[in-house]
Amino acid sequence: MNERQLINKIHRTLDKRIYRWKINDSYHGGVPDTYYAGPAGLCFVEYKYKPNTPKKGTSKMNFLLTDQQQVWLKQQREYKVPVFVLAGCKEHFIFTQEFERINGCTKDELLKNSISLKEYIAKIEKHCLGNK
């Protein structure tokens, strides 16, 4: 699976009441991959996906946000716009608004702090739909 396939899988699984937009803006760098909205809220999510984990636990995962992505996310967070990063590998994902922490994330940190894809989808649904 690659990042595009991961996003497609998530979009197929999300509750149909959630508006989902896979953003592809070639004119404005740094914009996150997706926008989600529902009656309880909206958010932007930047996805970082690696198909395999390194062998050593101390190896860095290299979920690097570009400078433009970091600027965009920081600015929106300052404006109180809900912005998140989902970074992961196979079945282990970190879902955070503290996106600075993923740049140096090791395999051990990923595994220790990870949630499943099912848990991530539940978080997005709760954020956008409230208490269903």
N, C-alpha and C. Protein backbone atom coordinates (compact mmCIF):
# COMPACT_ATOMS: atom_id res chain seq x y z
N MET A 1 0.85 -1.18 0.00
CA MET A 1 0.00 0.00 0.00
C MET A 1 0.90 1.24 0.00
N ASN A 2 0.45 2.28 -0.69
CA ASN A 2 1.14 3.56 -0.67
C ASN A 2 0.22 4.61 -0.04
N GLU A 3 0.70 5.85 0.04
CA GLU A 3 -0.08 6.90 0.71
C GLU A 3 -1.43 7.14 0.04
N ARG A 4 -1.45 7.19 -1.27
CA ARG A 4 -2.71 7.41 -1.99
C ARG A 4 -3.70 6.29 -1.71
N GLN A 5 -3.23 5.05 -1.70
CA GLN A 5 -4.11 3.91 -1.41
C GLN A 5 -4.61 3.96 0.04
N LEU A 6 -3.75 4.40 0.96
CA LEU A 6 -4.16 4.54 2.35
C LEU A 6 -5.30 5.56 2.46
N ILE A 7 -5.13 6.70 1.83
CA ILE A 7 -6.17 7.74 1.88
C ILE A 7 -7.47 7.24 1.26
N ASN A 8 -7.38 6.55 0.14
CA ASN A 8 -8.58 6.00 -0.50
C ASN A 8 -9.29 5.00 0.42
N LYS A 9 -8.52 4.17 1.10
CA LYS A 9 -9.08 3.19 2.03
C LYS A 9 -9.82 3.91 3.17
N ILE A 10 -9.21 4.95 3.70
CA ILE A 10 -9.83 5.73 4.78
C ILE A 10 -11.11 6.38 4.28
N HIS A 11 -11.07 6.98 3.10
CA HIS A 11 -12.24 7.67 2.56
C HIS A 11 -13.40 6.70 2.30
N ARG A 12 -13.10 5.49 1.90
CA ARG A 12 -14.16 4.49 1.69
C ARG A 12 -14.77 4.04 3.01
N THR A 13 -13.99 4.09 4.09
CA THR A 13 -14.43 3.59 5.38
C THR A 13 -15.16 4.64 6.21
N LEU A 14 -14.83 5.92 6.02
CA LEU A 14 -15.44 6.98 6.81
C LEU A 14 -16.96 7.02 6.65
N ASP A 15 -17.63 7.41 7.71
CA ASP A 15 -19.08 7.60 7.69
C ASP A 15 -19.44 8.51 6.51
N LYS A 16 -20.45 8.16 5.79
CA LYS A 16 -20.84 8.89 4.57
C LYS A 16 -21.29 10.33 4.84
N ARG A 17 -21.62 10.64 6.08
CA ARG A 17 -22.04 12.01 6.40
C ARG A 17 -20.86 12.98 6.47
N ILE A 18 -19.66 12.46 6.44
CA ILE A 18 -18.47 13.32 6.49
C ILE A 18 -18.08 13.72 5.08
N TYR A 19 -17.98 15.03 4.88
CA TYR A 19 -17.48 15.53 3.60
C TYR A 19 -15.97 15.30 3.59
N ARG A 20 -15.46 14.73 2.53
CA ARG A 20 -14.04 14.45 2.41
C ARG A 20 -13.52 15.02 1.09
N TRP A 21 -12.37 15.66 1.18
CA TRP A 21 -11.77 16.27 0.00
C TRP A 21 -10.30 15.92 -0.03
N LYS A 22 -9.87 15.19 -1.05
CA LYS A 22 -8.45 14.91 -1.28
C LYS A 22 -7.91 16.12 -2.03
N ILE A 23 -7.15 16.94 -1.33
CA ILE A 23 -6.67 18.20 -1.89
C ILE A 23 -5.48 17.95 -2.80
N ASN A 24 -5.53 18.53 -3.99
CA ASN A 24 -4.41 18.45 -4.93
C ASN A 24 -4.22 19.86 -5.49
N ASP A 25 -3.46 20.68 -4.79
CA ASP A 25 -3.28 22.08 -5.16
C ASP A 25 -1.86 22.31 -5.65
N SER A 26 -1.70 22.38 -6.94
CA SER A 26 -0.36 22.56 -7.50
C SER A 26 0.09 24.03 -7.48
N TYR A 27 -0.78 24.93 -7.04
CA TYR A 27 -0.44 26.35 -7.02
C TYR A 27 -0.06 26.86 -5.64
N HIS A 28 -0.41 26.12 -4.62
CA HIS A 28 -0.15 26.57 -3.25
C HIS A 28 0.50 25.44 -2.47
N GLY A 29 1.80 25.47 -2.33
CA GLY A 29 2.52 24.41 -1.63
C GLY A 29 2.24 24.40 -0.14
N GLY A 30 2.35 23.23 0.44
CA GLY A 30 2.20 23.08 1.87
C GLY A 30 0.82 22.71 2.36
N VAL A 31 -0.18 22.79 1.49
CA VAL A 31 -1.55 22.48 1.89
C VAL A 31 -1.63 20.98 2.22
N PRO A 32 -2.31 20.63 3.32
CA PRO A 32 -2.42 19.21 3.69
C PRO A 32 -3.12 18.37 2.62
N ASP A 33 -3.02 17.07 2.81
CA ASP A 33 -3.57 16.12 1.84
C ASP A 33 -5.09 16.11 1.81
N THR A 34 -5.72 16.30 2.97
CA THR A 34 -7.18 16.14 3.01
C THR A 34 -7.86 17.18 3.89
N TYR A 35 -9.14 17.37 3.60
CA TYR A 35 -10.03 18.21 4.40
C TYR A 35 -11.25 17.37 4.71
N TYR A 36 -11.68 17.38 5.98
CA TYR A 36 -12.87 16.66 6.40
C TYR A 36 -13.81 17.63 7.11
N ALA A 37 -15.12 17.45 6.92
CA ALA A 37 -16.09 18.31 7.59
C ALA A 37 -17.38 17.54 7.86
N GLY A 38 -18.00 17.90 8.98
CA GLY A 38 -19.28 17.34 9.37
C GLY A 38 -19.98 18.32 10.28
N PRO A 39 -21.18 17.98 10.76
CA PRO A 39 -21.95 18.90 11.57
C PRO A 39 -21.27 19.33 12.88
N ALA A 40 -20.33 18.54 13.39
CA ALA A 40 -19.68 18.88 14.66
C ALA A 40 -18.33 19.56 14.48
N GLY A 41 -17.76 19.53 13.28
CA GLY A 41 -16.46 20.17 13.10
C GLY A 41 -15.80 19.84 11.78
N LEU A 42 -14.66 20.46 11.58
CA LEU A 42 -13.86 20.26 10.37
C LEU A 42 -12.41 20.11 10.77
N CYS A 43 -11.60 19.59 9.86
CA CYS A 43 -10.16 19.50 10.10
C CYS A 43 -9.43 19.23 8.79
N PHE A 44 -8.14 19.52 8.84
CA PHE A 44 -7.22 19.19 7.76
C PHE A 44 -6.27 18.12 8.28
N VAL A 45 -5.91 17.16 7.42
CA VAL A 45 -4.98 16.11 7.81
C VAL A 45 -3.91 15.96 6.74
N GLU A 46 -2.65 15.99 7.18
CA GLU A 46 -1.51 15.68 6.33
C GLU A 46 -1.13 14.23 6.61
N TYR A 47 -1.01 13.43 5.57
CA TYR A 47 -0.65 12.02 5.71
C TYR A 47 0.81 11.81 5.37
N LYS A 48 1.49 11.00 6.17
CA LYS A 48 2.85 10.56 5.91
C LYS A 48 2.86 9.05 6.12
N TYR A 49 3.14 8.32 5.06
CA TYR A 49 3.05 6.86 5.12
C TYR A 49 4.30 6.21 4.56
N LYS A 50 4.78 5.20 5.26
CA LYS A 50 5.89 4.37 4.80
C LYS A 50 5.38 2.93 4.71
N PRO A 51 5.69 2.23 3.63
CA PRO A 51 5.17 0.87 3.49
C PRO A 51 5.83 -0.13 4.45
N ASN A 52 7.06 0.16 4.90
CA ASN A 52 7.76 -0.79 5.77
C ASN A 52 8.43 -0.07 6.93
N THR A 53 8.54 -0.79 8.05
CA THR A 53 9.28 -0.24 9.19
C THR A 53 10.73 -0.68 9.09
N PRO A 54 11.64 0.14 9.61
CA PRO A 54 13.04 -0.29 9.63
C PRO A 54 13.23 -1.47 10.58
N LYS A 55 14.34 -2.17 10.47
CA LYS A 55 14.60 -3.32 11.33
C LYS A 55 14.93 -2.90 12.76
N LYS A 56 15.77 -1.88 12.91
CA LYS A 56 16.20 -1.43 14.24
C LYS A 56 15.19 -0.46 14.85
N GLY A 57 14.94 -0.61 16.15
CA GLY A 57 14.02 0.26 16.85
C GLY A 57 14.47 1.69 16.94
N THR A 58 15.78 1.92 16.87
CA THR A 58 16.31 3.28 16.99
C THR A 58 16.42 3.99 15.63
N SER A 59 16.07 3.28 14.57
CA SER A 59 16.12 3.89 13.24
C SER A 59 15.03 4.94 13.09
N LYS A 60 15.39 6.07 12.47
CA LYS A 60 14.41 7.13 12.23
C LYS A 60 13.50 6.74 11.07
N MET A 61 12.23 7.12 11.22
CA MET A 61 11.23 6.76 10.21
C MET A 61 11.23 7.73 9.02
N ASN A 62 11.80 8.91 9.19
CA ASN A 62 11.87 9.92 8.13
C ASN A 62 10.50 10.34 7.59
N PHE A 63 9.58 10.62 8.52
CA PHE A 63 8.29 11.20 8.15
C PHE A 63 8.50 12.71 8.06
N LEU A 64 9.18 13.16 7.06
CA LEU A 64 9.57 14.56 7.01
C LEU A 64 8.49 15.43 6.37
N LEU A 65 8.09 16.45 7.12
CA LEU A 65 7.22 17.48 6.56
C LEU A 65 8.10 18.48 5.84
N THR A 66 7.66 18.94 4.69
CA THR A 66 8.42 19.97 3.98
C THR A 66 8.34 21.28 4.76
N ASP A 67 9.23 22.19 4.45
CA ASP A 67 9.19 23.51 5.10
C ASP A 67 7.84 24.18 4.85
N GLN A 68 7.34 24.09 3.63
CA GLN A 68 6.04 24.70 3.30
C GLN A 68 4.91 24.07 4.11
N GLN A 69 4.95 22.75 4.28
CA GLN A 69 3.92 22.08 5.07
C GLN A 69 3.98 22.54 6.52
N GLN A 70 5.17 22.64 7.07
CA GLN A 70 5.32 23.08 8.45
C GLN A 70 4.80 24.50 8.64
N VAL A 71 5.11 25.40 7.72
CA VAL A 71 4.63 26.78 7.81
C VAL A 71 3.11 26.80 7.75
N TRP A 72 2.52 26.08 6.80
CA TRP A 72 1.06 26.08 6.64
C TRP A 72 0.39 25.53 7.90
N LEU A 73 0.86 24.38 8.38
CA LEU A 73 0.26 23.76 9.55
C LEU A 73 0.40 24.64 10.80
N LYS A 74 1.57 25.22 11.01
CA LYS A 74 1.78 26.09 12.18
C LYS A 74 0.86 27.30 12.13
N GLN A 75 0.74 27.91 10.95
CA GLN A 75 -0.12 29.09 10.82
C GLN A 75 -1.57 28.75 11.13
N GLN A 76 -2.06 27.66 10.58
CA GLN A 76 -3.46 27.28 10.81
C GLN A 76 -3.68 26.91 12.26
N ARG A 77 -2.71 26.25 12.86
CA ARG A 77 -2.84 25.89 14.28
C ARG A 77 -2.91 27.16 15.13
N GLU A 78 -2.12 28.18 14.80
CA GLU A 78 -2.18 29.46 15.50
C GLU A 78 -3.55 30.12 15.33
N TYR A 79 -4.18 29.92 14.19
CA TYR A 79 -5.53 30.46 13.92
C TYR A 79 -6.63 29.61 14.54
N LYS A 80 -6.23 28.56 15.27
CA LYS A 80 -7.19 27.64 15.93
C LYS A 80 -7.96 26.76 14.95
N VAL A 81 -7.40 26.56 13.75
CA VAL A 81 -7.98 25.63 12.79
C VAL A 81 -7.46 24.23 13.14
N PRO A 82 -8.32 23.23 13.27
CA PRO A 82 -7.85 21.89 13.59
C PRO A 82 -7.03 21.29 12.45
N VAL A 83 -5.75 21.11 12.71
CA VAL A 83 -4.84 20.51 11.74
C VAL A 83 -4.13 19.34 12.41
N PHE A 84 -4.00 18.25 11.68
CA PHE A 84 -3.40 17.03 12.23
C PHE A 84 -2.43 16.44 11.21
N VAL A 85 -1.58 15.56 11.73
CA VAL A 85 -0.74 14.72 10.88
C VAL A 85 -0.99 13.28 11.30
N LEU A 86 -1.20 12.42 10.32
CA LEU A 86 -1.25 10.98 10.55
C LEU A 86 -0.01 10.40 9.88
N ALA A 87 0.90 9.88 10.68
CA ALA A 87 2.13 9.31 10.16
C ALA A 87 2.20 7.85 10.58
N GLY A 88 2.52 6.98 9.64
CA GLY A 88 2.55 5.59 10.03
C GLY A 88 3.12 4.65 9.01
N CYS A 89 3.04 3.40 9.42
CA CYS A 89 3.62 2.30 8.68
C CYS A 89 2.74 1.08 8.90
N LYS A 90 2.30 0.45 7.86
CA LYS A 90 1.45 -0.74 7.96
C LYS A 90 0.25 -0.49 8.86
N GLU A 91 0.25 -1.05 10.08
CA GLU A 91 -0.90 -0.93 10.99
C GLU A 91 -0.62 -0.04 12.19
N HIS A 92 0.46 0.73 12.16
CA HIS A 92 0.84 1.56 13.30
C HIS A 92 0.89 3.03 12.86
N PHE A 93 0.10 3.88 13.54
CA PHE A 93 -0.01 5.27 13.14
C PHE A 93 0.06 6.21 14.35
N ILE A 94 0.72 7.32 14.15
CA ILE A 94 0.70 8.41 15.13
C ILE A 94 -0.21 9.48 14.57
N PHE A 95 -1.18 9.89 15.36
CA PHE A 95 -2.14 10.92 14.98
C PHE A 95 -1.93 12.07 15.95
N THR A 96 -1.50 13.23 15.44
CA THR A 96 -1.10 14.30 16.35
C THR A 96 -1.31 15.68 15.76
N GLN A 97 -1.48 16.65 16.65
CA GLN A 97 -1.44 18.05 16.29
C GLN A 97 -0.06 18.62 16.58
N GLU A 98 0.75 17.87 17.26
CA GLU A 98 2.13 18.26 17.55
C GLU A 98 3.01 17.67 16.45
N PHE A 99 2.79 18.15 15.24
CA PHE A 99 3.41 17.53 14.07
C PHE A 99 4.92 17.64 14.05
N GLU A 100 5.49 18.55 14.83
CA GLU A 100 6.94 18.68 14.88
C GLU A 100 7.59 17.39 15.38
N ARG A 101 6.87 16.64 16.21
CA ARG A 101 7.46 15.44 16.81
C ARG A 101 7.63 14.28 15.84
N ILE A 102 6.96 14.30 14.70
CA ILE A 102 7.08 13.15 13.79
C ILE A 102 8.36 13.20 12.96
N ASN A 103 8.97 14.38 12.79
CA ASN A 103 10.15 14.47 11.94
C ASN A 103 11.31 13.60 12.42
N GLY A 104 11.49 13.44 13.73
CA GLY A 104 12.58 12.61 14.24
C GLY A 104 12.11 11.30 14.83
N CYS A 105 10.91 10.90 14.52
CA CYS A 105 10.30 9.70 15.11
C CYS A 105 11.08 8.44 14.75
N THR A 106 11.37 7.62 15.78
CA THR A 106 12.02 6.33 15.54
C THR A 106 10.97 5.22 15.47
N LYS A 107 11.39 4.06 15.03
CA LYS A 107 10.48 2.91 14.98
C LYS A 107 9.92 2.61 16.37
N ASP A 108 10.78 2.63 17.40
CA ASP A 108 10.31 2.36 18.77
C ASP A 108 9.27 3.37 19.22
N GLU A 109 9.47 4.66 18.91
CA GLU A 109 8.51 5.70 19.28
C GLU A 109 7.19 5.51 18.55
N LEU A 110 7.28 5.14 17.28
CA LEU A 110 6.07 4.88 16.50
C LEU A 110 5.26 3.75 17.14
N LEU A 111 5.91 2.65 17.44
CA LEU A 111 5.21 1.50 18.00
C LEU A 111 4.65 1.81 19.39
N LYS A 112 5.37 2.57 20.19
CA LYS A 112 4.93 2.90 21.55
C LYS A 112 3.71 3.82 21.55
N ASN A 113 3.65 4.76 20.60
CA ASN A 113 2.61 5.79 20.58
C ASN A 113 1.55 5.57 19.51
N SER A 114 1.52 4.40 18.91
CA SER A 114 0.66 4.21 17.74
C SER A 114 -0.78 3.87 18.10
N ILE A 115 -1.64 4.18 17.14
CA ILE A 115 -3.03 3.76 17.17
C ILE A 115 -3.28 2.99 15.88
N SER A 116 -4.37 2.25 15.85
CA SER A 116 -4.72 1.50 14.64
C SER A 116 -5.46 2.43 13.67
N LEU A 117 -5.58 1.98 12.45
CA LEU A 117 -6.34 2.72 11.45
C LEU A 117 -7.81 2.83 11.87
N LYS A 118 -8.34 1.79 12.47
CA LYS A 118 -9.72 1.80 12.96
C LYS A 118 -9.89 2.88 14.04
N GLU A 119 -8.92 3.00 14.94
CA GLU A 119 -8.99 4.03 15.99
C GLU A 119 -8.89 5.43 15.38
N TYR A 120 -8.05 5.58 14.37
CA TYR A 120 -7.92 6.87 13.69
C TYR A 120 -9.24 7.28 13.04
N ILE A 121 -9.86 6.36 12.33
CA ILE A 121 -11.13 6.66 11.66
C ILE A 121 -12.18 7.05 12.69
N ALA A 122 -12.21 6.36 13.83
CA ALA A 122 -13.16 6.70 14.89
C ALA A 122 -12.91 8.12 15.41
N LYS A 123 -11.65 8.54 15.51
CA LYS A 123 -11.32 9.89 15.98
C LYS A 123 -11.79 10.95 14.98
N ILE A 124 -11.59 10.71 13.70
CA ILE A 124 -12.04 11.67 12.68
C ILE A 124 -13.57 11.75 12.69
N GLU A 125 -14.23 10.60 12.79
CA GLU A 125 -15.69 10.60 12.82
C GLU A 125 -16.20 11.33 14.06
N LYS A 126 -15.60 11.12 15.20
CA LYS A 126 -16.04 11.82 16.41
C LYS A 126 -15.80 13.33 16.28
N HIS A 127 -14.66 13.71 15.71
CA HIS A 127 -14.35 15.13 15.53
C HIS A 127 -15.37 15.80 14.60
N CYS A 128 -15.71 15.14 13.51
CA CYS A 128 -16.60 15.73 12.51
C CYS A 128 -18.09 15.53 12.80
N LEU A 129 -18.44 14.44 13.48
CA LEU A 129 -19.84 14.11 13.70
C LEU A 129 -20.27 14.27 15.15
N GLY A 130 -19.33 14.42 16.06
CA GLY A 130 -19.69 14.47 17.48
C GLY A 130 -20.04 13.07 17.96
N ASN A 131 -21.06 12.97 18.75
CA ASN A 131 -21.48 11.68 19.31
C ASN A 131 -22.49 10.99 18.41
N LYS A 132 -22.20 10.90 17.16
CA LYS A 132 -23.04 10.21 16.15
C LYS A 132 -24.44 10.11 16.64
